[in-house]
Amino acid sequence: SGCGFAVAVCGGRIPDERRDQILAEHGPAR
């Protein structure tokens, strides 16, 4: 919001930190 920089990065492997965040926010599936 400061300078208007924007980017979309598609594909790739989920970083461990973000995977942990998904599990914390959404809970695990079994």
PDB file of all heavy atoms in Angstrom:
ATOM      1  N   SER A   1       0.830  -1.210   0.000  1.00  0.00           N
ATOM      2  CA  SER A   1       0.000   0.000   0.000  1.00  0.00           C
ATOM      3  C   SER A   1       0.866   1.263   0.000  1.00  0.00           C
ATOM      4  O   SER A   1       0.399   2.338  -0.332  1.00  0.00           O
ATOM      5  CB  SER A   1      -0.944   0.004   1.201  1.00  0.00           C
ATOM      6  OG  SER A   1      -0.196  -0.019   2.399  1.00  0.00           O
ATOM      7  N   GLY A   2       2.148   1.118   0.319  1.00  0.00           N
ATOM      8  CA  GLY A   2       3.048   2.275   0.357  1.00  0.00           C
ATOM      9  C   GLY A   2       3.474   2.748  -1.014  1.00  0.00           C
ATOM     10  O   GLY A   2       3.360   3.934  -1.340  1.00  0.00           O
ATOM     11  N   CYS A   3       3.946   1.829  -1.858  1.00  0.00           N
ATOM     12  CA  CYS A   3       4.494   2.241  -3.154  1.00  0.00           C
ATOM     13  C   CYS A   3       3.739   1.664  -4.345  1.00  0.00           C
ATOM     14  O   CYS A   3       4.033   2.011  -5.483  1.00  0.00           O
ATOM     15  CB  CYS A   3       5.968   1.869  -3.249  1.00  0.00           C
ATOM     16  SG  CYS A   3       6.286   0.091  -3.370  1.00  0.00           S
ATOM     17  N   GLY A   4       2.803   0.755  -4.082  1.00  0.00           N
ATOM     18  CA  GLY A   4       2.028   0.169  -5.169  1.00  0.00           C
ATOM     19  C   GLY A   4       2.651  -1.072  -5.788  1.00  0.00           C
ATOM     20  O   GLY A   4       2.089  -1.648  -6.718  1.00  0.00           O
ATOM     21  N   PHE A   5       3.799  -1.502  -5.283  1.00  0.00           N
ATOM     22  CA  PHE A   5       4.417  -2.734  -5.778  1.00  0.00           C
ATOM     23  C   PHE A   5       3.413  -3.877  -5.654  1.00  0.00           C
ATOM     24  O   PHE A   5       2.720  -4.009  -4.656  1.00  0.00           O
ATOM     25  CB  PHE A   5       5.681  -3.045  -4.961  1.00  0.00           C
ATOM     26  CG  PHE A   5       6.283  -4.394  -5.259  1.00  0.00           C
ATOM     27  CD1 PHE A   5       7.142  -4.559  -6.331  1.00  0.00           C
ATOM     28  CD2 PHE A   5       5.979  -5.494  -4.465  1.00  0.00           C
ATOM     29  CE1 PHE A   5       7.706  -5.797  -6.604  1.00  0.00           C
ATOM     30  CE2 PHE A   5       6.540  -6.739  -4.730  1.00  0.00           C
ATOM     31  CZ  PHE A   5       7.400  -6.898  -5.811  1.00  0.00           C
ATOM     32  N   ALA A   6       3.332  -4.712  -6.689  1.00  0.00           N
ATOM     33  CA  ALA A   6       2.453  -5.883  -6.654  1.00  0.00           C
ATOM     34  C   ALA A   6       3.093  -7.005  -7.460  1.00  0.00           C
ATOM     35  O   ALA A   6       3.760  -6.754  -8.476  1.00  0.00           O
ATOM     36  CB  ALA A   6       1.083  -5.546  -7.220  1.00  0.00           C
ATOM     37  N   VAL A   7       2.908  -8.218  -6.993  1.00  0.00           N
ATOM     38  CA  VAL A   7       3.466  -9.377  -7.691  1.00  0.00           C
ATOM     39  C   VAL A   7       2.606 -10.602  -7.389  1.00  0.00           C
ATOM     40  O   VAL A   7       2.007 -10.712  -6.316  1.00  0.00           O
ATOM     41  CB  VAL A   7       4.943  -9.623  -7.290  1.00  0.00           C
ATOM     42  CG1 VAL A   7       5.064 -10.031  -5.830  1.00  0.00           C
ATOM     43  CG2 VAL A   7       5.600 -10.648  -8.196  1.00  0.00           C
ATOM     44  N   ALA A   8       2.545 -11.499  -8.361  1.00  0.00           N
ATOM     45  CA  ALA A   8       1.908 -12.807  -8.171  1.00  0.00           C
ATOM     46  C   ALA A   8       2.936 -13.858  -8.552  1.00  0.00           C
ATOM     47  O   ALA A   8       3.550 -13.780  -9.618  1.00  0.00           O
ATOM     48  CB  ALA A   8       0.661 -12.932  -9.038  1.00  0.00           C
ATOM     49  N   VAL A   9       3.150 -14.799  -7.666  1.00  0.00           N
ATOM     50  CA  VAL A   9       4.084 -15.892  -7.910  1.00  0.00           C
ATOM     51  C   VAL A   9       3.271 -17.175  -7.869  1.00  0.00           C
ATOM     52  O   VAL A   9       2.632 -17.482  -6.858  1.00  0.00           O
ATOM     53  CB  VAL A   9       5.212 -15.925  -6.846  1.00  0.00           C
ATOM     54  CG1 VAL A   9       6.162 -17.072  -7.111  1.00  0.00           C
ATOM     55  CG2 VAL A   9       5.955 -14.601  -6.817  1.00  0.00           C
ATOM     56  N   CYS A  10       3.285 -17.900  -8.979  1.00  0.00           N
ATOM     57  CA  CYS A  10       2.445 -19.097  -9.086  1.00  0.00           C
ATOM     58  C   CYS A  10       3.289 -20.351  -9.194  1.00  0.00           C
ATOM     59  O   CYS A  10       4.336 -20.358  -9.826  1.00  0.00           O
ATOM     60  CB  CYS A  10       1.539 -18.981 -10.309  1.00  0.00           C
ATOM     61  SG  CYS A  10       0.469 -17.544 -10.261  1.00  0.00           S
ATOM     62  N   GLY A  11       2.769 -21.402  -8.584  1.00  0.00           N
ATOM     63  CA  GLY A  11       3.457 -22.684  -8.619  1.00  0.00           C
ATOM     64  C   GLY A  11       4.478 -22.770  -7.505  1.00  0.00           C
ATOM     65  O   GLY A  11       4.664 -21.851  -6.716  1.00  0.00           O
ATOM     66  N   GLY A  12       5.115 -23.892  -7.421  1.00  0.00           N
ATOM     67  CA  GLY A  12       6.141 -24.067  -6.410  1.00  0.00           C
ATOM     68  C   GLY A  12       5.650 -24.853  -5.204  1.00  0.00           C
ATOM     69  O   GLY A  12       4.502 -25.275  -5.122  1.00  0.00           O
ATOM     70  N   ARG A  13       6.555 -25.034  -4.281  1.00  0.00           N
ATOM     71  CA  ARG A  13       6.303 -25.798  -3.062  1.00  0.00           C
ATOM     72  C   ARG A  13       5.955 -24.839  -1.932  1.00  0.00           C
ATOM     73  O   ARG A  13       6.564 -23.779  -1.805  1.00  0.00           O
ATOM     74  CB  ARG A  13       7.571 -26.585  -2.724  1.00  0.00           C
ATOM     75  CG  ARG A  13       7.425 -27.528  -1.564  1.00  0.00           C
ATOM     76  CD  ARG A  13       8.758 -28.262  -1.305  1.00  0.00           C
ATOM     77  NE  ARG A  13       8.685 -29.056  -0.115  1.00  0.00           N
ATOM     78  CZ  ARG A  13       8.794 -28.596   1.120  1.00  0.00           C
ATOM     79  NH1 ARG A  13       8.990 -27.309   1.326  1.00  0.00           N
ATOM     80  NH2 ARG A  13       8.717 -29.398   2.155  1.00  0.00           N
ATOM     81  N   ILE A  14       5.017 -25.239  -1.101  1.00  0.00           N
ATOM     82  CA  ILE A  14       4.603 -24.406   0.027  1.00  0.00           C
ATOM     83  C   ILE A  14       5.735 -24.346   1.064  1.00  0.00           C
ATOM     84  O   ILE A  14       6.302 -25.368   1.437  1.00  0.00           O
ATOM     85  CB  ILE A  14       3.297 -24.938   0.659  1.00  0.00           C
ATOM     86  CG1 ILE A  14       2.783 -23.980   1.730  1.00  0.00           C
ATOM     87  CG2 ILE A  14       3.474 -26.345   1.205  1.00  0.00           C
ATOM     88  CD1 ILE A  14       1.395 -24.329   2.253  1.00  0.00           C
ATOM     89  N   PRO A  15       6.095 -23.150   1.516  1.00  0.00           N
ATOM     90  CA  PRO A  15       7.100 -23.040   2.582  1.00  0.00           C
ATOM     91  C   PRO A  15       6.565 -23.655   3.885  1.00  0.00           C
ATOM     92  O   PRO A  15       5.365 -23.569   4.177  1.00  0.00           O
ATOM     93  CB  PRO A  15       7.287 -21.525   2.740  1.00  0.00           C
ATOM     94  CG  PRO A  15       6.749 -20.919   1.489  1.00  0.00           C
ATOM     95  CD  PRO A  15       5.671 -21.843   1.015  1.00  0.00           C
ATOM     96  N   ASP A  16       7.439 -24.266   4.656  1.00  0.00           N
ATOM     97  CA  ASP A  16       7.040 -24.917   5.911  1.00  0.00           C
ATOM     98  C   ASP A  16       6.278 -23.971   6.829  1.00  0.00           C
ATOM     99  O   ASP A  16       5.291 -24.352   7.455  1.00  0.00           O
ATOM    100  CB  ASP A  16       8.257 -25.482   6.647  1.00  0.00           C
ATOM    101  CG  ASP A  16       8.874 -26.671   5.926  1.00  0.00           C
ATOM    102  OD1 ASP A  16       8.188 -27.303   5.085  1.00  0.00           O
ATOM    103  OD2 ASP A  16      10.054 -26.969   6.200  1.00  0.00           O
ATOM    104  N   GLU A  17       6.731 -22.717   6.911  1.00  0.00           N
ATOM    105  CA  GLU A  17       6.085 -21.738   7.788  1.00  0.00           C
ATOM    106  C   GLU A  17       4.630 -21.492   7.368  1.00  0.00           C
ATOM    107  O   GLU A  17       3.734 -21.383   8.199  1.00  0.00           O
ATOM    108  CB  GLU A  17       6.874 -20.428   7.749  1.00  0.00           C
ATOM    109  CG  GLU A  17       6.292 -19.338   8.610  1.00  0.00           C
ATOM    110  CD  GLU A  17       7.092 -18.038   8.520  1.00  0.00           C
ATOM    111  OE1 GLU A  17       8.067 -17.960   7.737  1.00  0.00           O
ATOM    112  OE2 GLU A  17       6.726 -17.108   9.242  1.00  0.00           O
ATOM    113  N   ARG A  18       4.381 -21.416   6.069  1.00  0.00           N
ATOM    114  CA  ARG A  18       3.011 -21.188   5.581  1.00  0.00           C
ATOM    115  C   ARG A  18       2.157 -22.441   5.726  1.00  0.00           C
ATOM    116  O   ARG A  18       0.968 -22.363   6.013  1.00  0.00           O
ATOM    117  CB  ARG A  18       3.020 -20.715   4.128  1.00  0.00           C
ATOM    118  CG  ARG A  18       3.716 -19.404   3.942  1.00  0.00           C
ATOM    119  CD  ARG A  18       3.057 -18.280   4.752  1.00  0.00           C
ATOM    120  NE  ARG A  18       4.043 -17.240   4.991  1.00  0.00           N
ATOM    121  CZ  ARG A  18       4.223 -16.662   6.156  1.00  0.00           C
ATOM    122  NH1 ARG A  18       3.486 -16.954   7.198  1.00  0.00           N
ATOM    123  NH2 ARG A  18       5.154 -15.745   6.308  1.00  0.00           N
ATOM    124  N   ARG A  19       2.758 -23.617   5.545  1.00  0.00           N
ATOM    125  CA  ARG A  19       2.028 -24.868   5.772  1.00  0.00           C
ATOM    126  C   ARG A  19       1.582 -24.946   7.230  1.00  0.00           C
ATOM    127  O   ARG A  19       0.435 -25.269   7.540  1.00  0.00           O
ATOM    128  CB  ARG A  19       2.901 -26.071   5.416  1.00  0.00           C
ATOM    129  CG  ARG A  19       2.184 -27.406   5.579  1.00  0.00           C
ATOM    130  CD  ARG A  19       3.098 -28.572   5.178  1.00  0.00           C
ATOM    131  NE  ARG A  19       2.366 -29.808   5.252  1.00  0.00           N
ATOM    132  CZ  ARG A  19       2.219 -30.534   6.359  1.00  0.00           C
ATOM    133  NH1 ARG A  19       2.781 -30.134   7.493  1.00  0.00           N
ATOM    134  NH2 ARG A  19       1.521 -31.649   6.342  1.00  0.00           N
ATOM    135  N   ASP A  20       2.489 -24.612   8.141  1.00  0.00           N
ATOM    136  CA  ASP A  20       2.155 -24.590   9.566  1.00  0.00           C
ATOM    137  C   ASP A  20       1.038 -23.590   9.847  1.00  0.00           C
ATOM    138  O   ASP A  20       0.149 -23.848  10.665  1.00  0.00           O
ATOM    139  CB  ASP A  20       3.382 -24.258  10.414  1.00  0.00           C
ATOM    140  CG  ASP A  20       4.439 -25.354  10.401  1.00  0.00           C
ATOM    141  OD1 ASP A  20       4.133 -26.490   9.981  1.00  0.00           O
ATOM    142  OD2 ASP A  20       5.590 -25.062  10.790  1.00  0.00           O
ATOM    143  N   GLN A  21       1.072 -22.448   9.155  1.00  0.00           N
ATOM    144  CA  GLN A  21       0.041 -21.430   9.340  1.00  0.00           C
ATOM    145  C   GLN A  21      -1.317 -21.950   8.849  1.00  0.00           C
ATOM    146  O   GLN A  21      -2.344 -21.754   9.508  1.00  0.00           O
ATOM    147  CB  GLN A  21       0.424 -20.148   8.600  1.00  0.00           C
ATOM    148  CG  GLN A  21      -0.544 -19.007   8.835  1.00  0.00           C
ATOM    149  CD  GLN A  21      -0.154 -17.745   8.070  1.00  0.00           C
ATOM    150  OE1 GLN A  21       0.865 -17.688   7.376  1.00  0.00           O
ATOM    151  NE2 GLN A  21      -0.987 -16.725   8.190  1.00  0.00           N
ATOM    152  N   ILE A  22      -1.343 -22.619   7.704  1.00  0.00           N
ATOM    153  CA  ILE A  22      -2.597 -23.205   7.200  1.00  0.00           C
ATOM    154  C   ILE A  22      -3.136 -24.208   8.199  1.00  0.00           C
ATOM    155  O   ILE A  22      -4.334 -24.211   8.520  1.00  0.00           O
ATOM    156  CB  ILE A  22      -2.395 -23.850   5.814  1.00  0.00           C
ATOM    157  CG1 ILE A  22      -2.267 -22.766   4.740  1.00  0.00           C
ATOM    158  CG2 ILE A  22      -3.560 -24.788   5.474  1.00  0.00           C
ATOM    159  CD1 ILE A  22      -1.972 -23.290   3.349  1.00  0.00           C
ATOM    160  N   LEU A  23      -2.269 -25.072   8.711  1.00  0.00           N
ATOM    161  CA  LEU A  23      -2.710 -26.080   9.687  1.00  0.00           C
ATOM    162  C   LEU A  23      -3.249 -25.417  10.953  1.00  0.00           C
ATOM    163  O   LEU A  23      -4.254 -25.854  11.511  1.00  0.00           O
ATOM    164  CB  LEU A  23      -1.573 -27.044  10.018  1.00  0.00           C
ATOM    165  CG  LEU A  23      -1.193 -27.998   8.897  1.00  0.00           C
ATOM    166  CD1 LEU A  23       0.103 -28.729   9.228  1.00  0.00           C
ATOM    167  CD2 LEU A  23      -2.317 -28.983   8.614  1.00  0.00           C
ATOM    168  N   ALA A  24      -2.593 -24.341  11.404  1.00  0.00           N
ATOM    169  CA  ALA A  24      -3.040 -23.643  12.613  1.00  0.00           C
ATOM    170  C   ALA A  24      -4.381 -22.942  12.391  1.00  0.00           C
ATOM    171  O   ALA A  24      -5.252 -22.967  13.264  1.00  0.00           O
ATOM    172  CB  ALA A  24      -1.981 -22.637  13.070  1.00  0.00           C
ATOM    173  N   GLU A  25      -4.555 -22.325  11.230  1.00  0.00           N
ATOM    174  CA  GLU A  25      -5.773 -21.562  10.977  1.00  0.00           C
ATOM    175  C   GLU A  25      -6.958 -22.428  10.543  1.00  0.00           C
ATOM    176  O   GLU A  25      -8.091 -22.134  10.878  1.00  0.00           O
ATOM    177  CB  GLU A  25      -5.512 -20.480   9.919  1.00  0.00           C
ATOM    178  CG  GLU A  25      -4.637 -19.362  10.433  1.00  0.00           C
ATOM    179  CD  GLU A  25      -4.417 -18.253   9.426  1.00  0.00           C
ATOM    180  OE1 GLU A  25      -5.196 -18.139   8.450  1.00  0.00           O
ATOM    181  OE2 GLU A  25      -3.445 -17.484   9.613  1.00  0.00           O
ATOM    182  N   HIS A  26      -6.694 -23.464   9.768  1.00  0.00           N
ATOM    183  CA  HIS A  26      -7.771 -24.279   9.215  1.00  0.00           C
ATOM    184  C   HIS A  26      -7.909 -25.640   9.883  1.00  0.00           C
ATOM    185  O   HIS A  26      -8.910 -26.326   9.682  1.00  0.00           O
ATOM    186  CB  HIS A  26      -7.565 -24.495   7.706  1.00  0.00           C
ATOM    187  CG  HIS A  26      -7.586 -23.230   6.914  1.00  0.00           C
ATOM    188  ND1 HIS A  26      -8.747 -22.588   6.565  1.00  0.00           N
ATOM    189  CD2 HIS A  26      -6.569 -22.476   6.403  1.00  0.00           C
ATOM    190  CE1 HIS A  26      -8.458 -21.501   5.864  1.00  0.00           C
ATOM    191  NE2 HIS A  26      -7.142 -21.402   5.768  1.00  0.00           N
ATOM    192  N   GLY A  27      -6.896 -26.041  10.634  1.00  0.00           N
ATOM    193  CA  GLY A  27      -6.899 -27.361  11.247  1.00  0.00           C
ATOM    194  C   GLY A  27      -6.476 -28.413  10.239  1.00  0.00           C
ATOM    195  O   GLY A  27      -6.551 -28.200   9.028  1.00  0.00           O
ATOM    196  N   PRO A  28      -6.017 -29.552  10.744  1.00  0.00           N
ATOM    197  CA  PRO A  28      -5.561 -30.607   9.836  1.00  0.00           C
ATOM    198  C   PRO A  28      -6.734 -31.385   9.242  1.00  0.00           C
ATOM    199  O   PRO A  28      -7.809 -31.446   9.824  1.00  0.00           O
ATOM    200  CB  PRO A  28      -4.729 -31.513  10.746  1.00  0.00           C
ATOM    201  CG  PRO A  28      -5.337 -31.340  12.094  1.00  0.00           C
ATOM    202  CD  PRO A  28      -5.799 -29.901  12.148  1.00  0.00           C
ATOM    203  N   ALA A  29      -6.482 -31.950   8.085  1.00  0.00           N
ATOM    204  CA  ALA A  29      -7.394 -32.929   7.500  1.00  0.00           C
ATOM    205  C   ALA A  29      -6.748 -34.294   7.735  1.00  0.00           C
ATOM    206  O   ALA A  29      -5.523 -34.396   7.833  1.00  0.00           O
ATOM    207  CB  ALA A  29      -7.564 -32.679   6.005  1.00  0.00           C
ATOM    208  N   ARG A  30      -7.573 -35.304   7.855  1.00  0.00           N
ATOM    209  CA  ARG A  30      -7.064 -36.669   8.049  1.00  0.00           C
ATOM    210  C   ARG A  30      -7.547 -37.542   6.906  1.00  0.00           C
ATOM    211  O   ARG A  30      -8.566 -37.272   6.292  1.00  0.00           O
ATOM    212  CB  ARG A  30      -7.545 -37.227   9.375  1.00  0.00           C
ATOM    213  CG  ARG A  30      -7.036 -36.421  10.533  1.00  0.00           C
ATOM    214  CD  ARG A  30      -6.991 -37.182  11.836  1.00  0.00           C
ATOM    215  NE  ARG A  30      -6.676 -36.293  12.925  1.00  0.00           N
ATOM    216  CZ  ARG A  30      -5.454 -35.870  13.232  1.00  0.00           C
ATOM    217  NH1 ARG A  30      -4.444 -36.266  12.531  1.00  0.00           N
ATOM    218  NH2 ARG A  30      -5.257 -35.049  14.233  1.00  0.00           N
TER     219      ARG A  30
END
